[in-house]
Amino acid sequence: MLRGYKVQSLFLIGGCLLNNERNKKYIYLFAGYAGLLFIGVSILRNLLFFQDTVGYVLTTFGYIFLVSYIKFADDKIGATKREEIIFRTGFMAILGSIALYL
């Protein structure tokens, strides 16, 4: 307490004031899927340029395990089924369109 006022922790991310759990959840969902997108694009580029079969198998399994972990993390932060579908659909659309242009 500071002179009768409750001190709350506020996060300033990208000019957006986050003071409740729902907004934090959206930031974490966005950051997780953006990271997954960047890793997916880098794996696609690596597979296109190096043609390594062992590397292909390793990166495919690694990506599958990473997606499984992201699903687990979504459940832990309390994302609803609707939010998961929205973020996953957007993720797949962006990754698919990038893959077409590689």
Foldseek 3Di string as FASTA:
>chain_A
DPPPDDDADWDQDPNDIDGDLVVVLVVVLVVLLVVLLVLLLVLLVCCVPPVDPVSVVVSVVVSVVSVVVSVVVCVVSPPDPVRVVVSVVVSCVVSVVSSVVD
